[in-house]
Structure formats: C-alpha cells, structure tokens
Amino acid sequence: MRILFLCVSNAARSQMAEGLARALLPASVTVESAGSEPGTLNPDAVAVMAEIGIDISKHQPKGLDAVDVAGADVIVTLCADEICPVVPGAVKRLHWPISDPVDVESSRAARAQIQDRIEALSRVLT
C-alpha cells in the first residue's frame, strides 16, 4: 500500500500528514507527500509535530515530479480554500479540506484534524 499526501506548497499539512502516517500506520504502508507549488518547510509545523514526538525537521518540500504519483494506491489532498493539485489516473482519492496553518495554534488544529483522520484510516487498513 502506498499513500501520497498532496497540498499546494508541501510545507505544512502534507508534511504533517506524512509524519503522522509514518508514525501511526503499519510499517508495510509506504507514505510520501508532495505539492503542486513546493515552498519552504513551515517551522510551526515542525514545532507542533515535535510536541508529540514526531521529527519532520529533515523533510524537504517536493513537487509532484519528485514522487511516483502513478504508483500511489491512495492520494489524499489536504487543501481547503486553495486549488488542490490534480493528478490523472485511476486511483482511490480522499479529500481532507484542512485550512493551511498560519501560526502555531492553527498548526496544532491542523495536526489534530489530520491525526484524527489518519487514525480512522489506520482502522480501515488493519
């Protein structure tokens, strides 16, 4: 099973999702993240993940061309107000509309929403 988390800049939401999924899903699940317009890793996302013992400080935002989109079994988009990346092909798609965090508090809120959804996903996969 291969899961790909996508957002626009791959700086916060999809990076947090990647870190949480690696921590919460079975080791047999391969997890990646990318963005349609990669930016710079959000330091607030790094900080709130560290609060729960997950280190994403070495993650690097990457574009869609840097991951095997066609090889994904599930693509999860995490966009709310902006336009999510669109990838062609027959793949299971999930959409989690989570607002892009702009500070520590909104990063914590996004982390909580993502964690709840990954825990639900974990129950389906196991």
C-alpha atoms as a PDB file:
ATOM      1  CA  MET A   1       0.000   0.000   0.000  1.00  0.00           C
ATOM      2  CA  ARG A   2       1.332   3.401  -0.994  1.00  0.00           C
ATOM      3  CA  ILE A   3      -0.280   6.640   0.218  1.00  0.00           C
ATOM      4  CA  LEU A   4       0.556  10.061  -1.210  1.00  0.00           C
ATOM      5  CA  PHE A   5      -0.460  13.230   0.646  1.00  0.00           C
ATOM      6  CA  LEU A   6      -0.793  16.328  -1.538  1.00  0.00           C
ATOM      7  CA  CYS A   7      -1.302  20.023  -0.875  1.00  0.00           C
ATOM      8  CA  VAL A   8      -0.114  23.145  -2.644  1.00  0.00           C
ATOM      9  CA  SER A   9       3.247  24.003  -1.061  1.00  0.00           C
ATOM     10  CA  ASN A  10       4.080  20.712   0.717  1.00  0.00           C
ATOM     11  CA  ALA A  11       5.199  22.903   3.612  1.00  0.00           C
ATOM     12  CA  ALA A  12       2.801  22.115   6.480  1.00  0.00           C
ATOM     13  CA  ARG A  13      -0.353  19.976   6.062  1.00  0.00           C
ATOM     14  CA  SER A  14       1.010  17.273   3.780  1.00  0.00           C
ATOM     15  CA  GLN A  15       4.301  17.211   5.707  1.00  0.00           C
ATOM     16  CA  MET A  16       2.433  16.734   8.994  1.00  0.00           C
ATOM     17  CA  ALA A  17       0.292  14.034   7.352  1.00  0.00           C
ATOM     18  CA  GLU A  18       3.391  12.230   6.114  1.00  0.00           C
ATOM     19  CA  GLY A  19       4.971  12.314   9.580  1.00  0.00           C
ATOM     20  CA  LEU A  20       1.789  11.212  11.349  1.00  0.00           C
ATOM     21  CA  ALA A  21       1.096   8.443   8.837  1.00  0.00           C
ATOM     22  CA  ARG A  22       4.598   7.046   9.216  1.00  0.00           C
ATOM     23  CA  ALA A  23       4.128   7.028  12.987  1.00  0.00           C
ATOM     24  CA  LEU A  24       0.567   5.666  13.074  1.00  0.00           C
ATOM     25  CA  LEU A  25       0.149   3.357  10.078  1.00  0.00           C
ATOM     26  CA  PRO A  26       1.632  -0.125   9.746  1.00  0.00           C
ATOM     27  CA  ALA A  27       5.255  -0.249   8.574  1.00  0.00           C
ATOM     28  CA  SER A  28       4.081  -2.024   5.412  1.00  0.00           C
ATOM     29  CA  VAL A  29       2.445   1.216   4.227  1.00  0.00           C
ATOM     30  CA  THR A  30       4.698   3.499   2.184  1.00  0.00           C
ATOM     31  CA  VAL A  31       3.973   7.181   2.740  1.00  0.00           C
ATOM     32  CA  GLU A  32       5.067  10.240   0.767  1.00  0.00           C
ATOM     33  CA  SER A  33       3.998  13.846   0.343  1.00  0.00           C
ATOM     34  CA  ALA A  34       4.333  16.478  -2.362  1.00  0.00           C
ATOM     35  CA  GLY A  35       2.886  19.766  -3.541  1.00  0.00           C
ATOM     36  CA  SER A  36       1.902  21.420  -6.786  1.00  0.00           C
ATOM     37  CA  GLU A  37       3.967  24.521  -5.906  1.00  0.00           C
ATOM     38  CA  PRO A  38       6.553  23.406  -3.318  1.00  0.00           C
ATOM     39  CA  GLY A  39       7.612  26.051  -0.830  1.00  0.00           C
ATOM     40  CA  THR A  40       9.661  26.084   2.351  1.00  0.00           C
ATOM     41  CA  LEU A  41       9.052  23.752   5.286  1.00  0.00           C
ATOM     42  CA  ASN A  42       6.837  25.574   7.789  1.00  0.00           C
ATOM     43  CA  PRO A  43       8.675  25.945  11.142  1.00  0.00           C
ATOM     44  CA  ASP A  44       5.371  25.962  13.049  1.00  0.00           C
ATOM     45  CA  ALA A  45       4.517  22.571  11.539  1.00  0.00           C
ATOM     46  CA  VAL A  46       7.917  21.260  12.615  1.00  0.00           C
ATOM     47  CA  ALA A  47       7.380  22.632  16.144  1.00  0.00           C
ATOM     48  CA  VAL A  48       3.891  21.185  16.673  1.00  0.00           C
ATOM     49  CA  MET A  49       4.967  17.795  15.381  1.00  0.00           C
ATOM     50  CA  ALA A  50       7.929  17.839  17.779  1.00  0.00           C
ATOM     51  CA  GLU A  51       5.427  18.451  20.597  1.00  0.00           C
ATOM     52  CA  ILE A  52       4.081  14.929  20.003  1.00  0.00           C
ATOM     53  CA  GLY A  53       7.476  13.320  19.401  1.00  0.00           C
ATOM     54  CA  ILE A  54       7.491  13.272  15.599  1.00  0.00           C
ATOM     55  CA  ASP A  55      10.507  14.869  13.902  1.00  0.00           C
ATOM     56  CA  ILE A  56       9.802  16.273  10.438  1.00  0.00           C
ATOM     57  CA  SER A  57      12.642  18.800  10.584  1.00  0.00           C
ATOM     58  CA  LYS A  58      14.617  16.953   7.899  1.00  0.00           C
ATOM     59  CA  HIS A  59      11.671  16.768   5.476  1.00  0.00           C
ATOM     60  CA  GLN A  60      12.092  18.684   2.236  1.00  0.00           C
ATOM     61  CA  PRO A  61       9.119  20.087   0.301  1.00  0.00           C
ATOM     62  CA  LYS A  62       8.955  18.476  -3.115  1.00  0.00           C
ATOM     63  CA  GLY A  63       6.942  18.793  -6.265  1.00  0.00           C
ATOM     64  CA  LEU A  64       4.748  16.240  -7.969  1.00  0.00           C
ATOM     65  CA  ASP A  65       7.581  15.428 -10.363  1.00  0.00           C
ATOM     66  CA  ALA A  66       9.703  14.181  -7.431  1.00  0.00           C
ATOM     67  CA  VAL A  67       7.302  11.386  -6.407  1.00  0.00           C
ATOM     68  CA  ASP A  68       5.774   8.384  -8.163  1.00  0.00           C
ATOM     69  CA  VAL A  69       2.215   9.680  -8.456  1.00  0.00           C
ATOM     70  CA  ALA A  70       1.166   6.834 -10.754  1.00  0.00           C
ATOM     71  CA  GLY A  71       2.346   4.249  -8.219  1.00  0.00           C
ATOM     72  CA  ALA A  72       0.112   5.530  -5.409  1.00  0.00           C
ATOM     73  CA  ASP A  73      -2.753   3.363  -4.203  1.00  0.00           C
ATOM     74  CA  VAL A  74      -4.375   6.270  -2.355  1.00  0.00           C
ATOM     75  CA  ILE A  75      -3.975  10.020  -2.907  1.00  0.00           C
ATOM     76  CA  VAL A  76      -5.106  12.304  -0.097  1.00  0.00           C
ATOM     77  CA  THR A  77      -5.492  16.013  -0.876  1.00  0.00           C
ATOM     78  CA  LEU A  78      -5.395  18.407   2.075  1.00  0.00           C
ATOM     79  CA  CYS A  79      -6.487  21.690   0.525  1.00  0.00           C
ATOM     80  CA  ALA A  80      -9.275  23.911   1.815  1.00  0.00           C
ATOM     81  CA  ASP A  81      -9.535  27.345   0.196  1.00  0.00           C
ATOM     82  CA  GLU A  82      -6.879  26.924  -2.463  1.00  0.00           C
ATOM     83  CA  ILE A  83      -6.915  24.756  -5.578  1.00  0.00           C
ATOM     84  CA  CYS A  84      -5.647  21.250  -4.825  1.00  0.00           C
ATOM     85  CA  PRO A  85      -3.206  19.501  -7.114  1.00  0.00           C
ATOM     86  CA  VAL A  86      -4.970  17.383  -9.714  1.00  0.00           C
ATOM     87  CA  VAL A  87      -3.387  14.156 -10.857  1.00  0.00           C
ATOM     88  CA  PRO A  88      -4.793  11.971 -13.622  1.00  0.00           C
ATOM     89  CA  GLY A  89      -5.344   8.254 -13.374  1.00  0.00           C
ATOM     90  CA  ALA A  90      -7.477   5.667 -11.682  1.00  0.00           C
ATOM     91  CA  VAL A  91      -6.537   5.808  -8.025  1.00  0.00           C
ATOM     92  CA  LYS A  92      -8.504   5.953  -4.773  1.00  0.00           C
ATOM     93  CA  ARG A  93      -8.797   9.613  -3.786  1.00  0.00           C
ATOM     94  CA  LEU A  94      -9.628  11.130  -0.436  1.00  0.00           C
ATOM     95  CA  HIS A  95     -10.096  14.839   0.179  1.00  0.00           C
ATOM     96  CA  TRP A  96      -9.482  16.261   3.639  1.00  0.00           C
ATOM     97  CA  PRO A  97     -10.290  20.014   3.473  1.00  0.00           C
ATOM     98  CA  ILE A  98      -7.951  21.406   6.131  1.00  0.00           C
ATOM     99  CA  SER A  99      -7.047  25.092   6.210  1.00  0.00           C
ATOM    100  CA  ASP A 100      -3.415  25.974   5.630  1.00  0.00           C
ATOM    101  CA  PRO A 101      -1.961  26.804   9.060  1.00  0.00           C
ATOM    102  CA  VAL A 102      -0.547  30.291   9.548  1.00  0.00           C
ATOM    103  CA  ASP A 103       0.723  30.096  13.135  1.00  0.00           C
ATOM    104  CA  VAL A 104       1.343  27.637  15.971  1.00  0.00           C
ATOM    105  CA  GLU A 105      -2.291  27.456  17.087  1.00  0.00           C
ATOM    106  CA  SER A 106      -3.653  26.816  13.603  1.00  0.00           C
ATOM    107  CA  SER A 107      -0.837  24.285  13.084  1.00  0.00           C
ATOM    108  CA  ARG A 108      -1.981  22.437  16.213  1.00  0.00           C
ATOM    109  CA  ALA A 109      -5.569  22.469  14.944  1.00  0.00           C
ATOM    110  CA  ALA A 110      -4.475  21.129  11.547  1.00  0.00           C
ATOM    111  CA  ARG A 111      -2.338  18.462  13.237  1.00  0.00           C
ATOM    112  CA  ALA A 112      -5.306  17.320  15.340  1.00  0.00           C
ATOM    113  CA  GLN A 113      -7.604  17.093  12.307  1.00  0.00           C
ATOM    114  CA  ILE A 114      -5.002  15.173  10.298  1.00  0.00           C
ATOM    115  CA  GLN A 115      -4.242  12.842  13.198  1.00  0.00           C
ATOM    116  CA  ASP A 116      -7.935  12.015  13.679  1.00  0.00           C
ATOM    117  CA  ARG A 117      -8.289  11.162  10.001  1.00  0.00           C
ATOM    118  CA  ILE A 118      -5.112   9.067   9.867  1.00  0.00           C
ATOM    119  CA  GLU A 119      -6.230   7.143  12.966  1.00  0.00           C
ATOM    120  CA  ALA A 120      -9.552   6.439  11.211  1.00  0.00           C
ATOM    121  CA  LEU A 121      -7.663   5.396   8.082  1.00  0.00           C
ATOM    122  CA  SER A 122      -5.473   3.095  10.181  1.00  0.00           C
ATOM    123  CA  ARG A 123      -8.547   1.267  11.477  1.00  0.00           C
ATOM    124  CA  VAL A 124      -9.617   0.608   7.881  1.00  0.00           C
ATOM    125  CA  LEU A 125      -6.177  -0.623   6.817  1.00  0.00           C
ATOM    126  CA  THR A 126      -5.632  -3.031   9.729  1.00  0.00           C
END
